[in-house]
Protein backbone atom coordinates (compact mmCIF):
# COMPACT_ATOMS: atom_id res chain seq x y z
CA MET A 1 3.70 29.57 4.73
CA ALA A 2 0.77 30.28 7.00
CA GLN A 3 1.54 30.76 10.66
CA GLU A 4 0.59 27.93 13.00
CA ARG A 5 -2.97 28.06 14.24
CA LYS A 6 -4.83 25.86 16.70
CA ILE A 7 -8.53 25.10 16.49
CA ARG A 8 -10.28 22.74 18.88
CA THR A 9 -12.36 19.82 17.64
CA SER A 10 -12.29 16.01 18.43
CA PRO A 11 -11.01 12.42 18.38
CA VAL A 12 -7.89 13.28 16.50
CA SER A 13 -5.33 16.02 16.32
CA ILE A 14 -4.78 17.43 12.90
CA VAL A 15 -1.69 19.26 11.79
CA ALA A 16 -1.44 21.23 8.57
CA ALA A 17 0.52 22.84 5.66
CA ALA A 18 4.30 23.19 5.70
CA CYS A 19 6.05 23.26 9.04
CA ALA A 20 6.72 20.91 11.92
CA CYS A 21 4.15 20.57 14.62
CA THR A 22 3.48 19.42 18.15
CA GLY A 23 1.34 16.57 19.45
CA TRP A 24 -2.11 16.42 20.95
CA LEU A 25 -4.78 14.21 22.52
CA LEU A 26 -6.92 11.84 20.54
CA ALA A 27 -10.07 9.92 21.40
CA VAL A 28 -11.07 6.64 19.82
CA ALA A 29 -14.61 5.73 18.76
CA ASN A 30 -15.70 4.55 22.21
CA GLY A 31 -14.72 7.90 23.72
CA ALA A 32 -11.69 6.63 25.61
CA VAL A 33 -8.61 8.81 25.71
CA ALA A 34 -6.01 7.33 23.37
CA GLU A 35 -2.39 7.82 22.53
CA LYS A 36 -1.65 11.14 20.84
CA LEU A 37 -2.15 11.16 17.09
CA ARG A 38 -0.35 14.00 15.36
CA VAL A 39 -1.85 14.88 12.00
CA GLY A 40 -0.91 17.42 9.30
CA VAL A 41 -3.17 19.37 6.91
CA ASN A 42 -2.54 22.29 4.55
CA LEU A 43 -3.71 25.58 6.05
CA THR A 44 -3.48 27.53 2.79
CA THR A 45 -5.59 25.65 0.22
CA ILE A 46 -9.26 25.12 -0.59
CA GLU A 47 -8.70 21.34 -0.70
CA THR A 48 -8.46 21.30 3.11
CA LEU A 49 -12.13 22.28 3.56
CA PRO A 50 -13.54 18.83 4.54
CA ILE A 51 -10.92 18.55 7.28
CA TYR A 52 -11.70 22.02 8.60
CA LEU A 53 -15.36 20.99 8.77
CA VAL A 54 -14.47 18.06 11.05
CA GLU A 55 -14.27 20.59 13.89
CA SER A 56 -18.05 20.94 13.77
CA ASP A 57 -18.62 17.19 13.30
CA PRO A 58 -19.77 15.06 16.26
CA ALA A 59 -16.34 13.42 16.07
CA GLY A 60 -14.62 16.73 16.45
CA ALA A 61 -14.48 17.80 20.07
CA GLY A 62 -10.73 17.68 20.69
CA ILE A 63 -8.91 18.16 17.39
CA GLU A 64 -6.12 20.67 16.96
CA LEU A 65 -4.94 21.93 13.58
CA SER A 66 -1.48 23.32 12.84
CA GLY A 67 1.11 23.11 10.06
CA GLY A 68 2.96 20.17 8.47
CA ALA A 69 3.38 18.18 5.23
CA ILE A 70 5.00 14.84 4.27
CA PRO A 71 8.45 15.97 5.49
CA ALA A 72 6.90 16.34 8.96
CA LEU A 73 5.55 12.78 8.65
CA THR A 74 8.87 11.28 7.61
CA ALA A 75 10.66 13.22 10.35
CA GLY A 76 8.33 11.59 12.89
CA ASN A 77 6.73 14.88 13.93
CA VAL A 78 3.22 13.87 12.79
CA ASP A 79 1.32 10.64 12.21
CA VAL A 80 -1.06 11.68 9.41
CA VAL A 81 -0.57 14.47 6.90
CA THR A 82 -1.98 15.97 3.68
CA ASN A 83 -0.10 16.49 0.42
CA ALA A 84 -0.58 15.98 -3.31
CA GLU A 85 0.26 12.58 -4.78
CA THR A 86 3.44 13.96 -6.36
CA GLN A 87 4.90 14.39 -2.87
CA ALA A 88 4.26 10.76 -1.94
CA ILE A 89 6.15 9.78 -5.11
CA LEU A 90 8.96 12.24 -4.39
CA ARG A 91 9.43 11.41 -0.70
CA SER A 92 8.88 7.66 -0.83
CA THR A 93 12.19 6.97 -2.56
CA ALA A 94 13.90 7.73 0.76
CA ASN A 95 10.90 6.66 2.88
CA PRO A 96 9.14 3.69 1.22
CA GLU A 97 6.84 3.29 4.24
CA ILE A 98 4.75 6.31 3.13
CA ARG A 99 1.15 5.33 2.42
CA VAL A 100 -1.67 7.21 0.67
CA ILE A 101 -4.85 6.36 2.59
CA LEU A 102 -7.51 8.76 1.26
CA THR A 103 -8.05 11.32 -1.49
CA VAL A 104 -9.64 14.27 0.29
CA ALA A 105 -9.92 16.49 -2.79
CA GLU A 106 -9.14 16.63 -6.50
CA TYR A 107 -8.27 19.79 -8.39
CA GLY A 108 -8.35 20.40 -12.15
CA TYR A 109 -5.39 22.60 -13.06
CA ARG A 110 -5.19 25.44 -15.58
CA ILE A 111 -2.27 27.55 -16.74
CA VAL A 112 -2.68 31.33 -16.54
CA ALA A 113 -0.68 33.16 -19.22
CA ARG A 114 -0.16 36.71 -20.49
CA ARG A 115 -1.86 37.46 -23.79
CA SER A 116 0.66 40.29 -24.27
CA ALA A 117 3.46 37.68 -24.22
CA GLY A 118 2.02 36.19 -27.40
CA VAL A 119 0.31 33.24 -25.73
CA ARG A 120 -3.00 32.05 -27.16
CA THR A 121 -2.63 28.27 -26.97
CA ALA A 122 -0.39 25.79 -25.17
CA ALA A 123 1.82 25.55 -28.27
CA ASP A 124 2.67 29.24 -27.77
CA LEU A 125 4.42 28.40 -24.49
CA ARG A 126 7.57 27.45 -26.42
CA GLY A 127 10.41 29.71 -25.26
CA LYS A 128 8.34 31.21 -22.45
CA LYS A 129 9.07 31.50 -18.71
CA ILE A 130 6.56 29.63 -16.57
CA ALA A 131 6.44 29.96 -12.79
CA THR A 132 5.47 26.99 -10.65
CA SER A 133 6.24 25.18 -7.40
CA LEU A 134 9.05 22.82 -8.37
CA ASN A 135 8.50 19.03 -8.31
CA SER A 136 4.84 19.55 -7.46
CA SER A 137 1.53 18.57 -9.05
CA ALA A 138 1.47 22.06 -10.62
CA HIS A 139 4.90 21.39 -12.17
CA PHE A 140 3.75 18.03 -13.53
CA TYR A 141 0.73 19.73 -15.10
CA ILE A 142 3.07 21.93 -17.14
CA VAL A 143 4.93 18.83 -18.35
CA LYS A 144 1.73 17.02 -19.31
CA THR A 145 0.34 20.10 -21.09
CA LEU A 146 3.55 20.56 -23.07
CA ARG A 147 3.65 16.90 -24.09
CA ASN A 148 0.11 17.18 -25.39
CA VAL A 149 1.27 19.75 -27.98
CA GLY A 150 4.56 18.09 -28.85
CA LEU A 151 6.77 20.16 -26.53
CA SER A 152 8.92 19.30 -23.52
CA GLU A 153 10.36 21.06 -20.48
CA ALA A 154 13.46 21.79 -22.54
CA ASP A 155 11.31 24.06 -24.73
CA ILE A 156 10.48 26.43 -21.85
CA THR A 157 12.13 27.97 -18.80
CA VAL A 158 10.64 26.74 -15.53
CA VAL A 159 10.92 29.33 -12.74
CA GLY A 160 10.54 28.09 -9.16
CA MET A 161 8.37 30.47 -7.15
CA THR A 162 6.03 30.45 -4.16
CA PRO A 163 2.30 30.85 -4.87
CA PRO A 164 1.95 34.28 -3.19
CA GLU A 165 4.71 35.67 -5.44
CA MET A 166 3.12 34.60 -8.70
CA PRO A 167 0.31 37.12 -9.35
CA ALA A 168 2.64 40.15 -9.08
CA ALA A 169 5.45 38.43 -11.02
CA LEU A 170 3.03 37.62 -13.84
CA ALA A 171 1.57 41.13 -13.88
CA ARG A 172 5.08 42.68 -13.99
CA GLY A 173 6.10 40.48 -16.88
CA ASP A 174 8.81 38.65 -14.91
CA VAL A 175 7.22 35.42 -16.16
CA ASP A 176 4.90 34.69 -19.07
CA ALA A 177 2.64 32.14 -17.37
CA VAL A 178 2.01 30.37 -14.06
CA SER A 179 0.87 26.88 -13.13
CA ILE A 180 -0.29 26.75 -9.53
CA TRP A 181 -3.15 25.60 -7.32
CA GLU A 182 -5.86 27.85 -5.89
CA PRO A 183 -6.18 30.53 -4.85
CA GLY A 184 -2.91 31.38 -6.64
CA ALA A 185 -4.21 30.67 -10.16
CA GLU A 186 -7.36 32.76 -9.74
CA GLN A 187 -5.41 35.58 -8.11
CA SER A 188 -2.94 35.49 -11.01
CA ALA A 189 -5.75 35.70 -13.56
CA ARG A 190 -7.28 38.64 -11.73
CA ALA A 191 -3.91 40.40 -11.55
CA LEU A 192 -3.76 40.29 -15.37
CA GLY A 193 -7.37 41.23 -16.00
CA LEU A 194 -8.09 41.33 -19.75
CA ASP A 195 -4.50 40.29 -20.49
CA ALA A 196 -5.13 36.83 -18.97
CA VAL A 197 -5.32 33.72 -21.12
CA ILE A 198 -6.50 30.50 -19.45
CA LEU A 199 -5.01 27.32 -20.92
CA GLN A 200 -6.73 24.04 -20.13
CA GLY A 201 -4.40 21.15 -20.85
CA PRO A 202 -5.10 17.41 -21.03
CA ASP A 203 -6.99 15.66 -18.26
CA TYR A 204 -5.04 15.66 -15.01
CA ARG A 205 -6.39 16.11 -11.51
CA GLU A 206 -4.17 16.82 -8.55
CA ARG A 207 -5.00 14.37 -5.75
CA PHE A 208 -4.87 16.06 -2.36
CA ASN A 209 -4.35 12.99 -0.20
CA LEU A 210 -4.15 11.99 3.42
CA ASN A 211 -0.88 10.15 4.04
CA THR A 212 0.56 8.08 6.86
CA THR A 213 3.10 5.25 7.20
CA ALA A 214 2.88 1.46 7.23
CA THR A 215 4.17 1.46 10.82
CA ILE A 216 1.39 3.74 12.02
CA LEU A 217 -1.25 1.62 10.27
CA ALA A 218 0.17 -1.44 12.03
CA ASP A 219 -0.40 0.19 15.45
CA PRO A 220 -3.98 -0.81 16.51
CA THR A 221 -4.58 2.30 18.63
CA LYS A 222 -3.36 4.76 16.03
CA ARG A 223 -5.11 2.89 13.24
CA ALA A 224 -8.43 3.13 15.11
CA ALA A 225 -7.94 6.88 15.51
CA VAL A 226 -7.09 7.28 11.83
CA ALA A 227 -10.21 5.32 10.86
CA ASP A 228 -12.30 7.65 13.05
CA LEU A 229 -10.79 10.63 11.26
CA LEU A 230 -11.60 9.13 7.87
CA ARG A 231 -15.20 8.52 8.92
CA ALA A 232 -15.52 12.16 9.89
CA ILE A 233 -13.97 13.33 6.61
CA ILE A 234 -16.37 11.12 4.66
CA ARG A 235 -19.30 12.77 6.45
CA THR A 236 -18.05 16.32 6.00
CA SER A 237 -17.20 15.67 2.34
CA LEU A 238 -20.84 14.78 1.70
CA ARG A 239 -21.77 18.15 3.17
CA VAL A 240 -19.26 19.86 0.89
CA ARG A 241 -20.67 18.13 -2.18
CA GLU A 242 -24.32 18.74 -1.32
CA HIS A 243 -24.22 22.19 0.31
CA ALA A 244 -21.63 24.26 -1.54
CA GLY A 245 -23.20 27.61 -0.68
CA GLU A 246 -23.12 26.73 3.00
CA VAL A 247 -19.48 25.68 3.16
CA GLN A 248 -17.76 28.10 0.77
CA PRO A 249 -17.83 30.91 3.38
CA VAL A 250 -16.12 28.56 5.84
CA ILE A 251 -13.02 28.04 3.69
CA ALA A 252 -13.02 31.67 2.55
CA ALA A 253 -12.83 32.76 6.20
CA LYS A 254 -10.15 30.18 7.04
CA LEU A 255 -7.93 31.34 4.19
CA GLY A 256 -8.72 35.06 4.51
CA LEU A 257 -10.09 35.12 0.94
CA PRO A 258 -12.99 36.99 -0.65
CA GLN A 259 -15.81 34.47 -0.98
CA GLU A 260 -16.06 35.31 -4.68
CA ILE A 261 -12.64 33.72 -5.31
CA VAL A 262 -13.76 30.48 -3.70
CA ALA A 263 -17.01 30.56 -5.69
CA ALA A 264 -15.19 31.30 -8.96
CA THR A 265 -12.90 28.28 -8.56
CA TRP A 266 -15.40 25.87 -7.04
CA GLY A 267 -16.06 23.98 -10.27
CA LEU A 268 -12.38 22.99 -10.46
CA PHE A 269 -12.65 20.88 -7.28
CA ARG A 270 -14.08 17.52 -6.32
CA PHE A 271 -14.24 16.17 -2.78
CA PRO A 272 -14.52 12.39 -3.13
CA ALA A 273 -13.24 11.17 0.28
CA SER A 274 -12.29 7.92 -1.40
CA ILE A 275 -9.48 6.11 -3.19
CA PRO A 276 -10.18 6.99 -6.86
CA ASP A 277 -9.98 4.11 -9.33
CA ASP A 278 -7.41 5.94 -11.46
CA LEU A 279 -5.12 7.12 -8.65
CA LEU A 280 -2.56 4.38 -9.30
CA GLU A 281 -2.51 5.05 -13.06
CA SER A 282 -1.87 8.74 -12.44
CA MET A 283 0.97 8.02 -10.02
CA VAL A 284 2.52 5.46 -12.39
CA GLU A 285 2.42 8.08 -15.15
CA GLN A 286 4.22 10.61 -12.93
CA GLU A 287 6.92 8.23 -11.68
CA PRO A 288 9.31 8.47 -14.72
CA TRP A 289 9.17 12.28 -14.66
CA MET A 290 9.91 12.39 -10.93
CA ALA A 291 12.64 9.76 -11.31
CA LYS A 292 14.34 11.94 -13.93
CA ASN A 293 14.14 14.96 -11.62
CA GLN A 294 15.69 12.87 -8.82
CA ASN A 295 18.33 11.37 -11.13
CA ARG A 296 17.30 7.78 -10.39
CA PRO A 297 15.76 4.84 -12.28
CA PRO A 298 11.95 4.72 -12.38
CA ARG A 299 10.40 2.22 -9.99
CA PRO A 300 8.15 -0.58 -11.29
CA ARG A 301 4.37 -0.35 -11.12
CA GLU A 302 4.31 -2.71 -8.13
CA ALA A 303 6.44 -0.32 -6.06
CA ILE A 304 4.06 2.57 -6.80
CA ALA A 305 1.00 0.42 -6.05
CA ALA A 306 2.50 -0.38 -2.64
CA LEU A 307 2.28 3.31 -1.72
CA ILE A 308 -1.54 3.18 -1.80
CA ASP A 309 -3.28 1.47 1.15
CA ALA A 310 -7.06 1.52 0.86
CA SER A 311 -7.63 -0.78 3.84
CA VAL A 312 -8.31 1.88 6.46
CA TRP A 313 -10.68 3.69 4.03
CA ARG A 314 -12.58 0.42 3.63
CA GLU A 315 -12.69 0.09 7.42
CA ALA A 316 -14.08 3.59 7.72
CA GLN A 317 -16.87 2.70 5.32
CA GLY A 318 -18.07 0.07 7.76
CA GLU A 319 -20.24 2.88 9.16
CA PRO A 320 -23.48 2.84 7.04
CA LEU A 321 -23.55 6.61 6.43
CA ALA A 322 -19.90 6.63 5.45
CA LYS A 323 -20.39 3.73 3.06
CA SER A 324 -23.16 5.46 1.14
CA ASN A 325 -21.26 8.73 0.96
CA SER A 326 -17.98 7.55 -0.56
CA PRO A 327 -17.93 7.76 -4.35
CA HIS A 328 -15.36 5.46 -5.92
CA ARG A 329 -14.59 6.45 -9.48
């Protein structure tokens, strides 16, 4: 994972991608110094862009960013954290207080395969080795794509692998295809060159969400700080949607990527800063698959619905600009 970095901004402290983090000072809307709010964001993905932009927002004068994901939240190391919706499903069996409070970004997956391995369509994946990050949104995308052509996971070999390993493994022929988020998918396609086949499966969008816990939302001071953060993300997300050419260099620099990779994948992303109308349906669809992987019974729809708390997002929209800038699809 990326090494911890710290970047100053404002009312909240934000922590990011996959390791534990420290705490930092937070200011509430009236400018008063508040209790520390420790927040986690992913330092390695394009989806994090609206949160990075908060550092240049008026609300951003004291924010610090470093690494952490839902395990850091459930360990009590952070108060707010980013992760795909699959991780809220996975981790909430042991920690039912996890709450999804905002979808920062959505990403439309694709599978990158080797033409020389005999792959032309998704049906050709039968018997092939596919690399992915296990129990992730990328893994679920493989499952959904296979189902769409009458196949199952039993018809392939799933190979657990980290995103940076995938382009070289695919080019060497260690695996026949990869399913991963950006920039890993684009880098894998470029590693194959003319040998690359891009498979677009059925509709599924990874939801890169902001997560917290019911206990944190019940704390008035922390809740106010979280609402301030959401207001800032709503503002910066509008900038992302309306000024792509302006903000693409920002995330390219943050991730150490050529800007052309960000530009090439841009159309696969949406930055709604909302609670999408179909978020619950997507999570309900994923629950039986995750339950099987965890060797447990699937939870009822009501238990999955309880993981989504839109109340603080609705609070954040009390600001007129935020309200007009929050698409709800």
